[in-house]
Amino acid sequence: MDLYCVMGNPVEHSRSPWIHARFAELTGQTLDYGRRLVPIDGFDEAVAAFRADPAGTARGCNITVPFKFDAAALAQHLSPRAALARAVNVLSFEEDGIHGDNSDGAGLVNDITVHAGVSLAGSELLLLGAGGAAAGVLGPLLEGSPRRVVVANRTLAKAITLVQRHAALALAHHVTLEAQELHAVPGNFDIVVNATASSLAGGEVPVAASVLKRGALAVDMMYGPAAVGFMNWARDHGAVPRDGLGMLVEQAAEAFALWRGVRPPAAQVLAELRAIVDRT
């Protein structure tokens, strides 16, 4: 049996096993996909244990918080988008070693442009956070040619580092790219993406409501109960809230295609998963 899993901490909430099982069913693939809770200081050991699992042949795994930088460090081969992000959410185990990729950005862009029906081109976009989640999506967001992107983070130095690494890509797509502190973000935006851990930790929205244009799209990369606070905040201030469920399905579809060589029907699976979530 070909084995796959999602690794993270926490991970018990993850919908990835259901998503990949459904992808496999709809595409006629045979595989087993599970969850693995990883100790905070035990990522490399967890990957080694998964690869040694006697139940089958480990082919790959998805990586969620807080291990995306650890996965990039572990991988022996990085895709161009993973190398730019320096964060990995997809590992593939090949004959020549461990390959790392990042499907988060493609997943987010597909959800915004296809499922939410909002164009990135010419927009003003605010990205909250400068950790692994933000690093994984910034490149693909820039490739959508927004007019201006601001990366805001509690620690300004981290935002500056992320912006500097993406400066050439921003220039190539004629995007004004800048870093700001969360408490001092100037202007307001058509699209606001929350890539901080505030939702997961149950904290308050880390930025003032003045960043929202009326009718702005406000996306939390979390989903389920973790996203409720951010979505309520967005709705209360005249924005259109969206959780990370669509991004989750789309990034999973990207990973599945990478692993199995076939593109699953992401829109169908998202509709099915949304119906399940709405009932619970």
Protein backbone atom coordinates (compact mmCIF):
# COMPACT_ATOMS: atom_id res chain seq x y z
CA MET A 1 0.00 0.00 0.00
CA ASP A 2 1.23 3.50 -0.84
CA LEU A 3 1.23 5.54 2.37
CA TYR A 4 0.69 9.29 2.79
CA CYS A 5 -0.08 11.45 5.81
CA VAL A 6 -0.37 14.94 7.19
CA MET A 7 2.12 15.91 9.90
CA GLY A 8 1.60 18.75 12.32
CA ASN A 9 1.01 19.87 15.89
CA PRO A 10 -1.93 20.12 16.39
CA VAL A 11 -3.23 17.82 13.66
CA GLU A 12 -6.34 16.06 14.99
CA HIS A 13 -8.59 18.69 13.39
CA SER A 14 -7.18 18.14 9.89
CA ARG A 15 -9.58 17.33 7.07
CA SER A 16 -6.73 16.23 4.81
CA PRO A 17 -7.31 12.46 5.29
CA TRP A 18 -10.93 12.82 4.16
CA ILE A 19 -9.94 15.02 1.21
CA HIS A 20 -7.25 12.68 -0.09
CA ALA A 21 -9.43 9.60 0.42
CA ARG A 22 -12.12 11.28 -1.67
CA PHE A 23 -9.59 12.32 -4.32
CA ALA A 24 -8.38 8.71 -4.50
CA GLU A 25 -11.94 7.39 -4.81
CA LEU A 26 -12.82 9.81 -7.61
CA THR A 27 -9.61 9.18 -9.57
CA GLY A 28 -9.36 5.41 -9.07
CA GLN A 29 -6.17 5.58 -7.01
CA THR A 30 -5.26 3.15 -4.22
CA LEU A 31 -3.56 4.66 -1.19
CA ASP A 32 -3.76 5.12 2.57
CA TYR A 33 -3.63 8.63 4.06
CA GLY A 34 -3.50 9.31 7.79
CA ARG A 35 -2.63 11.88 10.47
CA ARG A 36 0.58 12.02 12.50
CA LEU A 37 0.95 14.22 15.57
CA VAL A 38 4.59 15.30 15.69
CA PRO A 39 6.42 16.43 18.86
CA ILE A 40 7.53 20.04 18.55
CA ASP A 41 11.20 19.04 18.62
CA GLY A 42 10.85 15.74 16.77
CA PHE A 43 10.09 16.48 13.12
CA ASP A 44 13.03 14.70 11.48
CA GLU A 45 12.49 11.64 13.66
CA ALA A 46 8.78 11.58 12.78
CA VAL A 47 9.53 11.62 9.07
CA ALA A 48 12.06 8.81 9.49
CA ALA A 49 9.54 6.75 11.46
CA PHE A 50 6.89 7.27 8.79
CA ARG A 51 9.28 6.19 6.04
CA ALA A 52 10.05 3.02 8.02
CA ASP A 53 6.37 2.14 8.57
CA PRO A 54 5.96 -1.60 7.86
CA ALA A 55 2.33 -1.12 6.78
CA GLY A 56 3.37 -0.04 3.29
CA THR A 57 5.59 2.22 1.22
CA ALA A 58 5.71 5.84 2.36
CA ARG A 59 5.37 8.04 -0.73
CA GLY A 60 4.85 11.49 0.72
CA CYS A 61 3.32 13.70 3.35
CA ASN A 62 1.72 17.08 3.81
CA ILE A 63 3.25 19.38 6.39
CA THR A 64 1.24 21.83 8.46
CA VAL A 65 2.06 24.18 11.32
CA PRO A 66 4.60 24.54 12.81
CA PHE A 67 6.93 22.39 10.67
CA LYS A 68 7.07 24.01 7.22
CA PHE A 69 10.54 25.46 7.78
CA ASP A 70 11.72 22.13 9.25
CA ALA A 71 10.47 20.35 6.14
CA ALA A 72 12.38 22.76 3.89
CA ALA A 73 15.54 22.08 5.87
CA LEU A 74 15.04 18.32 5.67
CA ALA A 75 14.35 18.14 1.92
CA GLN A 76 17.33 17.37 -0.30
CA HIS A 77 15.66 18.78 -3.42
CA LEU A 78 13.43 21.87 -3.47
CA SER A 79 11.08 23.04 -6.22
CA PRO A 80 11.62 26.67 -7.32
CA ARG A 81 8.54 27.86 -5.42
CA ALA A 82 9.61 26.02 -2.26
CA ALA A 83 13.13 27.40 -2.57
CA LEU A 84 11.76 30.94 -2.80
CA ALA A 85 9.43 30.43 0.15
CA ARG A 86 12.02 28.45 2.15
CA ALA A 87 8.96 26.65 3.47
CA VAL A 88 7.60 23.26 2.43
CA ASN A 89 4.15 21.74 2.84
CA VAL A 90 4.58 18.76 0.50
CA LEU A 91 7.28 16.11 0.85
CA SER A 92 7.76 13.36 -1.74
CA PHE A 93 10.02 10.38 -1.12
CA GLU A 94 11.86 9.50 -4.33
CA GLU A 95 14.78 7.22 -5.20
CA ASP A 96 17.18 10.19 -5.22
CA GLY A 97 16.04 11.54 -1.85
CA ILE A 98 13.40 13.74 -0.25
CA HIS A 99 11.77 16.32 -2.51
CA GLY A 100 10.10 19.42 -1.06
CA ASP A 101 7.42 21.55 -2.71
CA ASN A 102 4.93 24.18 -1.62
CA SER A 103 1.35 24.00 -2.87
CA ASP A 104 -0.09 26.54 -0.42
CA GLY A 105 0.21 29.55 -2.71
CA ALA A 106 -1.36 27.82 -5.70
CA GLY A 107 -4.15 26.62 -3.42
CA LEU A 108 -4.85 30.09 -2.06
CA VAL A 109 -4.74 31.78 -5.47
CA ASN A 110 -7.08 29.18 -6.98
CA ASP A 111 -9.53 29.62 -4.13
CA ILE A 112 -9.52 33.41 -4.37
CA THR A 113 -9.76 33.64 -8.15
CA VAL A 114 -11.87 30.57 -8.99
CA HIS A 115 -14.08 29.82 -5.98
CA ALA A 116 -14.42 33.34 -4.55
CA GLY A 117 -14.37 34.91 -8.04
CA VAL A 118 -12.04 37.78 -7.06
CA SER A 119 -9.24 38.90 -9.38
CA LEU A 120 -5.79 39.59 -7.97
CA ALA A 121 -4.79 41.76 -10.93
CA GLY A 122 -4.57 45.43 -9.97
CA SER A 123 -5.73 44.85 -6.40
CA GLU A 124 -4.41 46.18 -3.10
CA LEU A 125 -3.55 43.16 -0.94
CA LEU A 126 -2.55 42.84 2.72
CA LEU A 127 -0.83 39.66 3.92
CA LEU A 128 -0.81 39.27 7.71
CA GLY A 129 2.13 37.27 9.03
CA ALA A 130 5.64 36.42 7.90
CA GLY A 131 5.99 32.82 9.02
CA GLY A 132 5.85 29.60 7.04
CA ALA A 133 2.23 30.06 5.96
CA ALA A 134 2.85 33.57 4.62
CA ALA A 135 6.13 32.57 2.98
CA GLY A 136 4.38 29.79 1.09
CA VAL A 137 1.75 32.02 -0.49
CA LEU A 138 3.54 35.31 -1.18
CA GLY A 139 5.19 34.23 -4.44
CA PRO A 140 2.00 32.98 -6.15
CA LEU A 141 0.10 36.05 -4.91
CA LEU A 142 2.70 38.30 -6.56
CA GLU A 143 2.41 36.30 -9.78
CA GLY A 144 -1.27 37.29 -9.87
CA SER A 145 -0.10 40.90 -10.50
CA PRO A 146 -1.81 42.86 -7.73
CA ARG A 147 -0.93 46.55 -7.76
CA ARG A 148 0.39 46.61 -4.18
CA VAL A 149 1.14 43.99 -1.54
CA VAL A 150 1.91 44.80 2.09
CA VAL A 151 3.35 42.11 4.36
CA ALA A 152 2.56 43.00 7.98
CA ASN A 153 4.03 41.20 10.97
CA ARG A 154 4.49 41.77 14.69
CA THR A 155 8.24 41.49 14.21
CA LEU A 156 9.01 43.91 11.38
CA ALA A 157 12.40 42.36 10.68
CA LYS A 158 10.79 39.07 9.64
CA ALA A 159 8.47 40.88 7.24
CA ILE A 160 11.39 42.81 5.77
CA THR A 161 13.35 39.60 5.22
CA LEU A 162 10.40 37.98 3.44
CA VAL A 163 9.84 41.07 1.27
CA GLN A 164 13.50 41.32 0.32
CA ARG A 165 13.56 37.69 -0.78
CA HIS A 166 10.58 38.31 -3.08
CA ALA A 167 11.67 41.72 -4.38
CA ALA A 168 12.82 40.48 -7.79
CA LEU A 169 9.58 38.56 -8.36
CA ALA A 170 7.53 41.61 -7.36
CA LEU A 171 9.50 43.78 -9.78
CA ALA A 172 8.97 41.28 -12.60
CA HIS A 173 5.22 41.48 -12.09
CA HIS A 174 5.14 45.26 -11.54
CA VAL A 175 3.95 44.92 -7.94
CA THR A 176 4.76 47.42 -5.19
CA LEU A 177 5.87 45.23 -2.29
CA GLU A 178 6.51 46.55 1.22
CA ALA A 179 6.80 45.45 4.84
CA GLN A 180 4.96 47.01 7.79
CA GLU A 181 4.34 46.38 11.47
CA LEU A 182 0.89 45.03 12.27
CA HIS A 183 -0.12 47.99 14.41
CA ALA A 184 0.88 50.56 11.78
CA VAL A 185 -0.47 49.34 8.43
CA PRO A 186 -1.27 52.34 6.20
CA GLY A 187 -4.26 52.48 3.88
CA ASN A 188 -6.98 49.96 3.19
CA PHE A 189 -7.16 46.92 0.97
CA ASP A 190 -9.28 44.97 -1.49
CA ILE A 191 -8.02 41.61 -0.17
CA VAL A 192 -6.78 40.78 3.32
CA VAL A 193 -5.23 37.35 3.97
CA ASN A 194 -4.63 36.22 7.55
CA ALA A 195 -1.61 33.92 7.62
CA THR A 196 -0.83 34.45 11.31
CA ALA A 197 -1.34 31.86 14.04
CA SER A 198 -3.80 34.14 15.86
CA SER A 199 -6.87 32.17 14.76
CA LEU A 200 -5.35 28.83 15.70
CA ALA A 201 -4.45 30.20 19.11
CA GLY A 202 -7.91 31.71 19.63
CA GLY A 203 -6.49 35.23 19.78
CA GLU A 204 -7.91 38.52 18.62
CA VAL A 205 -7.58 39.69 15.02
CA PRO A 206 -4.09 41.21 14.95
CA VAL A 207 -4.83 44.28 12.83
CA ALA A 208 -7.20 47.27 12.90
CA ALA A 209 -10.47 47.12 10.96
CA SER A 210 -9.40 50.25 9.08
CA VAL A 211 -7.40 48.01 6.71
CA LEU A 212 -10.65 46.73 5.19
CA LYS A 213 -12.21 48.46 2.21
CA ARG A 214 -15.98 48.18 2.12
CA GLY A 215 -16.73 44.84 0.45
CA ALA A 216 -13.13 43.64 0.72
CA LEU A 217 -12.43 39.91 0.61
CA ALA A 218 -11.04 38.81 3.98
CA VAL A 219 -9.53 35.32 3.93
CA ASP A 220 -8.40 33.38 6.98
CA MET A 221 -6.07 30.51 6.08
CA MET A 222 -7.59 28.54 8.98
CA TYR A 223 -10.98 26.84 8.76
CA GLY A 224 -13.63 25.48 11.10
CA PRO A 225 -13.95 26.93 14.62
CA ALA A 226 -10.49 28.50 14.42
CA ALA A 227 -11.62 30.84 11.63
CA VAL A 228 -14.88 31.99 13.22
CA GLY A 229 -13.43 34.97 15.09
CA PHE A 230 -11.69 36.41 12.03
CA MET A 231 -14.71 35.83 9.81
CA ASN A 232 -17.07 37.50 12.30
CA TRP A 233 -14.67 40.45 12.55
CA ALA A 234 -14.60 40.79 8.76
CA ARG A 235 -18.36 40.55 8.43
CA ASP A 236 -18.95 43.07 11.22
CA HIS A 237 -16.78 45.60 9.40
CA GLY A 238 -18.38 45.31 5.97
CA ALA A 239 -16.01 42.80 4.37
CA VAL A 240 -16.76 39.46 2.71
CA PRO A 241 -15.38 36.71 4.97
CA ARG A 242 -13.87 33.48 3.67
CA ASP A 243 -12.25 30.65 5.57
CA GLY A 244 -9.37 28.46 4.44
CA LEU A 245 -11.40 25.41 3.43
CA GLY A 246 -11.13 26.19 -0.28
CA MET A 247 -7.40 26.78 0.00
CA LEU A 248 -7.08 23.49 1.90
CA VAL A 249 -8.78 21.52 -0.87
CA GLU A 250 -6.92 23.30 -3.66
CA GLN A 251 -3.48 22.87 -2.10
CA ALA A 252 -4.34 19.22 -1.49
CA ALA A 253 -5.30 18.82 -5.15
CA GLU A 254 -1.93 20.27 -6.15
CA ALA A 255 -0.13 17.81 -3.85
CA PHE A 256 -2.23 14.88 -5.06
CA ALA A 257 -1.41 15.69 -8.69
CA LEU A 258 2.27 15.90 -7.79
CA TRP A 259 2.21 12.51 -6.05
CA ARG A 260 -0.15 10.57 -8.31
CA GLY A 261 0.12 12.26 -11.70
CA VAL A 262 -3.61 12.92 -11.97
CA ARG A 263 -5.56 16.10 -11.17
CA PRO A 264 -8.54 15.43 -8.85
CA PRO A 265 -11.86 17.33 -9.15
CA ALA A 266 -11.20 19.96 -6.48
CA ALA A 267 -14.43 21.92 -6.99
CA GLN A 268 -16.58 18.83 -6.45
CA VAL A 269 -14.68 17.81 -3.33
CA LEU A 270 -14.82 21.35 -1.93
CA ALA A 271 -18.59 21.45 -2.39
CA GLU A 272 -18.94 18.07 -0.65
CA LEU A 273 -16.66 19.07 2.20
CA ARG A 274 -18.39 22.43 2.66
CA ALA A 275 -21.71 20.60 3.01
CA ILE A 276 -20.22 18.31 5.66
CA VAL A 277 -18.71 21.22 7.59
CA ASP A 278 -21.95 23.21 7.44
CA ARG A 279 -23.82 20.28 9.00
CA THR A 280 -21.41 19.95 11.92
